[in-house]
Protein backbone atom coordinates (compact mmCIF):
# COMPACT_ATOMS: atom_id res chain seq x y z
CA UNK A 1 -47.47 -8.72 -37.36
CA UNK A 2 -43.92 -7.63 -35.92
CA UNK A 3 -41.00 -8.88 -37.94
CA UNK A 4 -37.64 -8.79 -36.19
CA UNK A 5 -34.60 -8.68 -38.75
CA UNK A 6 -32.08 -9.81 -36.15
CA UNK A 7 -30.48 -13.35 -37.00
CA UNK A 8 -30.64 -14.96 -33.51
CA UNK A 9 -34.54 -14.18 -33.12
CA UNK A 10 -35.16 -15.34 -37.13
CA UNK A 11 -33.83 -18.69 -36.11
CA UNK A 12 -35.77 -19.04 -32.61
CA UNK A 13 -38.90 -17.91 -34.46
CA UNK A 14 -38.40 -20.62 -37.23
CA UNK A 15 -37.39 -23.24 -34.67
CA UNK A 16 -33.83 -23.53 -35.50
CA UNK A 17 -33.03 -24.05 -32.14
CA UNK A 18 -30.82 -27.07 -32.95
CA UNK A 19 -28.58 -25.30 -35.51
CA UNK A 20 -28.12 -22.36 -33.04
CA UNK A 21 -26.53 -24.29 -30.24
CA UNK A 22 -24.51 -26.13 -32.96
CA UNK A 23 -23.17 -22.70 -34.32
CA UNK A 24 -22.65 -21.58 -30.57
CA UNK A 25 -20.77 -24.65 -29.46
CA UNK A 26 -18.61 -24.52 -32.59
CA UNK A 27 -17.84 -20.69 -31.74
CA UNK A 28 -17.15 -21.75 -28.05
CA UNK A 29 -14.94 -24.62 -29.30
CA UNK A 30 -12.80 -22.37 -31.83
CA UNK A 31 -12.22 -19.82 -29.07
CA UNK A 32 -11.25 -22.20 -26.74
CA UNK A 33 -8.67 -23.29 -29.22
CA UNK A 34 -7.49 -20.20 -29.88
CA UNK A 35 -6.81 -19.82 -26.11
CA UNK A 36 -4.58 -22.92 -25.86
CA UNK A 37 -2.87 -22.46 -29.25
CA UNK A 38 -0.98 -20.04 -31.45
CA UNK A 39 -3.43 -19.01 -34.27
CA UNK A 40 -1.48 -19.47 -36.74
CA UNK A 41 -1.89 -23.37 -36.11
CA UNK A 42 -5.75 -23.23 -35.33
CA UNK A 43 -6.23 -21.54 -38.73
CA UNK A 44 -4.75 -24.25 -40.72
CA UNK A 45 -7.58 -26.18 -39.31
CA UNK A 46 -9.83 -23.96 -41.17
CA UNK A 47 -8.61 -25.94 -44.67
CA UNK A 48 -11.25 -28.78 -42.92
CA UNK A 49 -14.45 -27.11 -43.30
CA UNK A 50 -15.41 -27.54 -46.94
CA UNK A 51 -14.19 -31.58 -46.30
CA UNK A 52 -16.37 -31.59 -43.16
CA UNK A 53 -18.91 -29.78 -44.99
CA UNK A 54 -19.26 -32.07 -48.05
CA UNK A 55 -19.44 -34.99 -45.46
CA UNK A 56 -22.22 -33.57 -43.71
CA UNK A 57 -23.96 -33.06 -47.25
CA UNK A 58 -23.56 -36.35 -48.04
CA UNK A 59 -25.01 -38.04 -45.12
CA UNK A 60 -28.14 -35.06 -44.59
CA UNK A 61 -28.64 -34.01 -48.15
CA UNK A 62 -27.84 -37.19 -49.88
CA UNK A 63 -25.40 -35.62 -52.43
CA UNK A 64 -23.03 -38.03 -53.75
CA UNK A 65 -19.27 -38.02 -52.65
CA UNK A 66 -17.36 -38.79 -55.91
CA UNK A 67 -13.94 -39.87 -57.01
CA UNK A 68 -12.62 -35.95 -57.80
CA UNK A 69 -14.09 -34.74 -54.07
CA UNK A 70 -12.59 -37.89 -52.71
CA UNK A 71 -9.04 -36.76 -53.88
CA UNK A 72 -9.44 -33.20 -52.66
CA UNK A 73 -10.26 -34.30 -49.32
CA UNK A 74 -7.70 -36.60 -49.01
CA UNK A 75 -5.10 -33.58 -50.49
CA UNK A 76 -6.55 -31.79 -48.03
CA UNK A 77 -6.15 -33.99 -44.96
CA UNK A 78 -2.69 -34.54 -46.33
CA UNK A 79 -1.74 -30.72 -46.21
CA UNK A 80 -3.62 -30.19 -42.90
CA UNK A 81 -1.17 -33.00 -41.68
CA UNK A 82 2.06 -32.11 -43.47
CA UNK A 83 1.27 -28.25 -41.80
CA UNK A 84 0.76 -29.48 -38.26
CA UNK A 85 3.22 -32.40 -37.86
CA UNK A 86 6.20 -31.74 -35.62
CA UNK A 87 9.56 -31.85 -37.52
């Protein structure tokens, strides 16, 4: 049995095509945003990634969403809002 070490072939062998498509679409979204806006503005939205991951973990992995995580997420959203608003 031949085993390939490439990431893409492992995804396809394990039937994780939806995850591959999600990864691919997120990269396309990222690069299209970089074409339209300045990288310093687009980079600010990377701070939302842990909060979005936490929300996904709550739905898909049934993790608890406690008060400290809610506070941290709210502060993150506030920080992104303040950094991207027009003065």
